[in-house]
Amino acid sequence: METILSATGLLTPGVEYGRVAPLADDADPVKAVGAVVPVQTHSLNVGVLTEPGQSFPDTDALITRLRGVAIGVRTADCIPVLLYAPDIEAVAAVHAGWRGTVGDIVGVTVSRLEAMGADAGRIMAHVGIGICGDCFEVGSELAVCFEDAGLGAFVLPGPFTDRLTGEPMDPDRRHIDLRCANVSRLLRRGIPEANISVAPECTRCSEIAPGPCAASVAGSGMTLAVGSEGKSAARSGVRLPSWRRDHGTTRRMLTWIRLREECPS
């Protein structure tokens, strides 16, 4: 196994989900899971996987009803969103960067699930690890884009202190809470608040402390493991892939979901 940090859990009985973060530049989280992942371009395009081996260029969300097949999205600050529609037994993985959030990629995906017969009021959603509002510093033009899209409540005024350095951040720049903006999008599409879970960590500033192999991730219902050729790799803390923190990084975290092979009894 390549050097990776992975966590897996059950969104609900019969639906497995997780995240895989590379701890080395050459580690391949997609290979580690065997997931189907689209070629992401910050579009609003949603693909539907109906048979293994399909490819999805220019696509930022995937839906499937295939059992035992993981689908996922790559991120390095953007927000991954996972959906499960129990009435049609379908799962979805969504890549929501700032463009996708403004354009409502999660809403487009929910609409696609509804067109397939899903009831939005029964959909379960997990908003995965992405950049936090304190760290996502933007210019005034981008702040205006969010305000024009009806997301002005998630444009945050300063001042902010850099969580990595402890230094004051530029008071003239605004901050955006991408996670809460996507939660708002989900709520507007009729998904109950009780059906939405949100990962609290930030890709830029959080430090994940894996400890021993197969440790429990507190409060998440997930199991975390560190692997390197099958051996545990103890580390005091690991930074997740972040474009804002490490400009030019090629590392990407994979967030994935799949229907388990057997239906729960």
Protein backbone atom coordinates (compact mmCIF):
# COMPACT_ATOMS: atom_id res chain seq x y z
CA MET A 1 0.00 0.00 0.00
CA GLU A 2 1.24 3.47 -0.79
CA THR A 3 1.64 5.92 2.06
CA ILE A 4 -1.86 7.21 2.79
CA LEU A 5 -4.06 8.41 5.60
CA SER A 6 -7.54 6.92 5.31
CA ALA A 7 -10.75 7.02 7.30
CA THR A 8 -13.90 5.01 6.63
CA GLY A 9 -17.30 4.74 8.22
CA LEU A 10 -21.00 4.15 7.59
CA LEU A 11 -23.19 7.06 6.56
CA THR A 12 -26.09 4.72 7.31
CA PRO A 13 -26.32 0.91 7.29
CA GLY A 14 -25.49 -0.25 3.79
CA VAL A 15 -23.67 2.94 2.74
CA GLU A 16 -19.91 3.20 3.28
CA TYR A 17 -17.96 6.42 2.90
CA GLY A 18 -14.51 7.70 3.60
CA ARG A 19 -11.59 9.90 2.76
CA VAL A 20 -8.06 9.09 1.67
CA ALA A 21 -5.26 11.65 1.92
CA PRO A 22 -1.80 11.00 0.44
CA LEU A 23 1.09 11.50 2.82
CA ALA A 24 3.57 11.55 -0.09
CA ASP A 25 3.45 13.31 -3.45
CA ASP A 26 3.47 10.01 -5.37
CA ALA A 27 0.73 8.30 -3.35
CA ASP A 28 -2.49 7.64 -5.29
CA PRO A 29 -5.64 7.72 -3.13
CA VAL A 30 -7.86 6.78 -6.09
CA LYS A 31 -5.86 3.61 -6.65
CA ALA A 32 -5.99 2.82 -2.93
CA VAL A 33 -9.80 2.80 -2.96
CA GLY A 34 -10.43 1.76 -6.57
CA ALA A 35 -12.91 4.60 -6.96
CA VAL A 36 -14.41 6.04 -10.14
CA VAL A 37 -13.49 9.74 -10.19
CA PRO A 38 -14.47 12.34 -12.80
CA VAL A 39 -12.10 14.75 -14.56
CA GLN A 40 -13.02 17.83 -12.53
CA THR A 41 -13.09 21.24 -14.17
CA HIS A 42 -15.19 23.32 -11.72
CA SER A 43 -18.21 22.74 -13.96
CA LEU A 44 -21.85 22.15 -13.04
CA ASN A 45 -21.93 18.86 -14.96
CA VAL A 46 -23.28 15.76 -13.24
CA GLY A 47 -22.55 12.25 -14.57
CA VAL A 48 -24.37 9.00 -13.84
CA LEU A 49 -22.26 5.85 -13.57
CA THR A 50 -24.27 2.89 -14.89
CA GLU A 51 -21.47 0.42 -15.52
CA PRO A 52 -17.87 0.03 -14.31
CA GLY A 53 -15.20 1.50 -16.54
CA GLN A 54 -17.07 4.60 -17.63
CA SER A 55 -15.13 7.85 -17.80
CA PHE A 56 -16.42 11.34 -17.10
CA PRO A 57 -14.51 14.28 -18.63
CA ASP A 58 -15.52 17.82 -17.64
CA THR A 59 -17.64 16.56 -14.74
CA ASP A 60 -17.80 17.62 -11.09
CA ALA A 61 -20.39 15.30 -9.59
CA LEU A 62 -21.13 11.60 -10.00
CA ILE A 63 -24.21 9.54 -9.18
CA THR A 64 -24.46 5.76 -9.16
CA ARG A 65 -26.88 3.01 -8.15
CA LEU A 66 -24.26 0.29 -8.64
CA ARG A 67 -23.48 -1.72 -5.51
CA GLY A 68 -19.90 -2.20 -4.43
CA VAL A 69 -18.58 0.57 -6.70
CA ALA A 70 -17.02 3.60 -5.03
CA ILE A 71 -17.37 7.03 -6.58
CA GLY A 72 -15.49 10.07 -5.35
CA VAL A 73 -14.03 13.51 -5.92
CA ARG A 74 -10.54 14.95 -5.42
CA THR A 75 -10.04 18.11 -3.38
CA ALA A 76 -7.29 20.28 -1.91
CA ASP A 77 -9.43 22.98 -0.19
CA CYS A 78 -12.68 22.68 -2.17
CA ILE A 79 -15.68 21.11 -0.44
CA PRO A 80 -16.58 17.46 -1.10
CA VAL A 81 -20.27 16.65 -0.59
CA LEU A 82 -21.65 13.11 -0.38
CA LEU A 83 -25.33 12.27 -0.87
CA TYR A 84 -27.45 9.16 -0.33
CA ALA A 85 -31.00 8.83 -1.65
CA PRO A 86 -32.48 5.81 0.16
CA ASP A 87 -35.72 5.57 -1.81
CA ILE A 88 -33.90 4.96 -5.09
CA GLU A 89 -30.74 3.45 -3.54
CA ALA A 90 -28.38 5.95 -5.16
CA VAL A 91 -25.27 7.74 -3.92
CA ALA A 92 -23.53 10.85 -5.22
CA ALA A 93 -20.15 12.54 -4.79
CA VAL A 94 -19.91 16.27 -5.50
CA HIS A 95 -16.92 18.62 -5.91
CA ALA A 96 -17.91 22.11 -4.77
CA GLY A 97 -15.23 24.76 -5.12
CA TRP A 98 -16.17 28.41 -5.10
CA ARG A 99 -17.41 28.25 -8.70
CA GLY A 100 -19.49 25.18 -8.02
CA THR A 101 -20.87 26.70 -4.84
CA VAL A 102 -21.89 29.90 -6.60
CA GLY A 103 -23.41 27.86 -9.44
CA ASP A 104 -25.10 25.44 -6.99
CA ILE A 105 -23.51 22.15 -8.06
CA VAL A 106 -25.04 20.41 -5.03
CA GLY A 107 -28.47 21.67 -6.01
CA VAL A 108 -27.99 20.50 -9.58
CA THR A 109 -27.03 17.07 -8.25
CA VAL A 110 -30.07 16.91 -5.95
CA SER A 111 -32.28 17.85 -8.90
CA ARG A 112 -30.74 15.03 -10.92
CA LEU A 113 -31.50 12.59 -8.09
CA GLU A 114 -35.07 13.89 -7.96
CA ALA A 115 -35.41 13.33 -11.70
CA MET A 116 -34.41 9.72 -11.02
CA GLY A 117 -37.24 9.43 -8.49
CA ALA A 118 -35.62 10.52 -5.22
CA ASP A 119 -37.43 12.48 -2.50
CA ALA A 120 -35.16 15.33 -1.36
CA GLY A 121 -36.72 15.14 2.09
CA ARG A 122 -35.17 11.69 2.57
CA ILE A 123 -31.70 12.40 1.19
CA MET A 124 -28.78 12.14 3.63
CA ALA A 125 -25.80 14.45 3.08
CA HIS A 126 -22.26 14.65 4.41
CA VAL A 127 -20.25 17.83 3.84
CA GLY A 128 -16.64 16.69 3.97
CA ILE A 129 -13.36 18.30 4.91
CA GLY A 130 -12.52 21.53 3.09
CA ILE A 131 -11.09 24.95 3.81
CA CYS A 132 -12.67 26.84 6.73
CA GLY A 133 -14.00 30.38 6.64
CA ASP A 134 -11.11 31.71 8.72
CA CYS A 135 -8.61 30.45 6.13
CA PHE A 136 -10.50 31.14 2.88
CA GLU A 137 -9.42 34.72 2.21
CA VAL A 138 -10.73 36.24 -1.04
CA GLY A 139 -10.82 39.48 -3.01
CA SER A 140 -13.78 41.83 -3.23
CA GLU A 141 -14.78 40.57 -6.71
CA LEU A 142 -15.32 37.04 -5.45
CA ALA A 143 -17.21 38.31 -2.42
CA VAL A 144 -19.57 40.13 -4.79
CA CYS A 145 -20.11 36.88 -6.75
CA PHE A 146 -21.33 35.19 -3.57
CA GLU A 147 -23.53 38.11 -2.64
CA ASP A 148 -25.07 38.16 -6.12
CA ALA A 149 -25.76 34.41 -5.83
CA GLY A 150 -27.74 34.94 -2.62
CA LEU A 151 -24.88 33.70 -0.44
CA GLY A 152 -23.96 37.00 1.16
CA ALA A 153 -24.52 35.55 4.64
CA PHE A 154 -21.41 33.43 4.10
CA VAL A 155 -19.14 36.34 3.19
CA LEU A 156 -17.40 37.08 6.47
CA PRO A 157 -15.95 40.45 7.50
CA GLY A 158 -12.58 40.63 9.22
CA PRO A 159 -10.44 40.93 11.10
CA PHE A 160 -9.01 37.41 11.09
CA THR A 161 -5.88 35.90 12.56
CA ASP A 162 -3.98 33.36 10.46
CA ARG A 163 -4.47 30.01 12.18
CA LEU A 164 -1.11 28.76 10.94
CA THR A 165 1.11 31.71 11.86
CA GLY A 166 -0.86 33.61 14.48
CA GLU A 167 -0.33 36.79 12.44
CA PRO A 168 -3.14 39.21 11.54
CA MET A 169 -4.60 38.68 8.07
CA ASP A 170 -5.30 41.49 5.58
CA PRO A 171 -8.23 43.46 7.10
CA ASP A 172 -9.28 44.69 3.65
CA ARG A 173 -9.92 41.19 2.32
CA ARG A 174 -13.08 39.20 2.94
CA HIS A 175 -13.48 35.55 3.92
CA ILE A 176 -16.00 32.98 2.69
CA ASP A 177 -17.42 30.01 4.56
CA LEU A 178 -17.72 27.48 1.73
CA ARG A 179 -18.91 24.67 3.99
CA CYS A 180 -21.85 26.58 5.43
CA ALA A 181 -22.70 27.96 1.99
CA ASN A 182 -23.08 24.41 0.71
CA VAL A 183 -25.12 23.41 3.75
CA SER A 184 -27.40 26.33 2.90
CA ARG A 185 -27.70 25.07 -0.67
CA LEU A 186 -28.70 21.62 0.62
CA LEU A 187 -31.31 23.08 2.98
CA ARG A 188 -32.80 25.19 0.19
CA ARG A 189 -33.23 22.02 -1.87
CA GLY A 190 -35.35 20.46 0.84
CA ILE A 191 -32.84 18.24 2.62
CA PRO A 192 -33.65 18.27 6.36
CA GLU A 193 -31.03 19.74 8.67
CA ALA A 194 -31.14 16.53 10.71
CA ASN A 195 -29.98 14.63 7.61
CA ILE A 196 -26.85 16.75 7.11
CA SER A 197 -23.50 16.09 8.81
CA VAL A 198 -20.47 18.38 8.48
CA ALA A 199 -16.81 17.50 8.98
CA PRO A 200 -15.24 20.15 11.27
CA GLU A 201 -11.64 19.95 10.06
CA CYS A 202 -9.99 22.45 7.71
CA THR A 203 -7.66 21.34 4.92
CA ARG A 204 -5.42 24.37 5.38
CA CYS A 205 -5.06 24.69 9.15
CA SER A 206 -6.14 21.40 10.79
CA GLU A 207 -3.57 18.86 11.83
CA ILE A 208 -4.79 15.26 11.80
CA ALA A 209 -3.12 13.10 14.44
CA PRO A 210 -3.47 9.49 13.26
CA GLY A 211 -1.60 7.80 16.07
CA PRO A 212 -1.60 3.99 15.79
CA CYS A 213 -3.01 2.17 12.81
CA ALA A 214 -6.79 1.68 12.79
CA ALA A 215 -7.50 4.27 15.49
CA SER A 216 -11.00 5.61 16.06
CA VAL A 217 -11.76 9.12 14.80
CA ALA A 218 -13.44 10.79 17.75
CA GLY A 219 -17.08 11.67 17.24
CA SER A 220 -17.18 10.77 13.53
CA GLY A 221 -18.13 7.10 13.57
CA MET A 222 -15.15 6.50 11.32
CA THR A 223 -12.06 4.36 11.62
CA LEU A 224 -8.75 5.92 10.62
CA ALA A 225 -5.67 4.03 9.46
CA VAL A 226 -2.22 4.95 8.21
CA GLY A 227 -0.60 2.62 5.73
CA SER A 228 2.79 2.21 4.08
CA GLU A 229 3.26 -1.19 2.53
CA GLY A 230 0.82 -2.54 5.10
CA LYS A 231 2.65 -1.11 8.13
CA SER A 232 1.42 1.54 10.50
CA ALA A 233 3.16 4.89 10.22
CA ALA A 234 2.97 6.77 13.50
CA ARG A 235 3.06 10.55 13.09
CA SER A 236 2.43 13.31 15.57
CA GLY A 237 0.28 15.14 13.05
CA VAL A 238 -0.48 15.31 9.33
CA ARG A 239 -1.54 18.25 7.21
CA LEU A 240 -4.14 17.46 4.58
CA PRO A 241 -3.67 18.60 0.95
CA SER A 242 -4.27 22.35 0.69
CA TRP A 243 -3.71 24.55 -2.35
CA ARG A 244 -3.97 27.70 -0.25
CA ARG A 245 -1.28 26.52 2.15
CA ASP A 246 1.03 24.78 -0.35
CA HIS A 247 0.71 26.56 -3.70
CA GLY A 248 1.41 24.20 -6.57
CA THR A 249 0.89 21.01 -4.59
CA THR A 250 -0.13 17.97 -6.63
CA ARG A 251 -1.56 16.15 -3.61
CA ARG A 252 -5.32 15.72 -3.52
CA MET A 253 -7.57 14.16 -0.93
CA LEU A 254 -10.16 11.67 -2.18
CA THR A 255 -13.62 11.68 -0.58
CA TRP A 256 -15.69 8.69 -1.66
CA ILE A 257 -18.96 6.84 -1.10
CA ARG A 258 -20.43 3.49 -2.15
CA LEU A 259 -23.41 1.25 -1.66
CA ARG A 260 -22.22 -1.91 0.03
CA GLU A 261 -22.51 -5.17 -1.89
CA GLU A 262 -25.24 -6.60 0.34
CA CYS A 263 -28.38 -4.77 1.35
CA PRO A 264 -28.71 -4.38 5.13
CA SER A 265 -31.06 -6.97 6.64
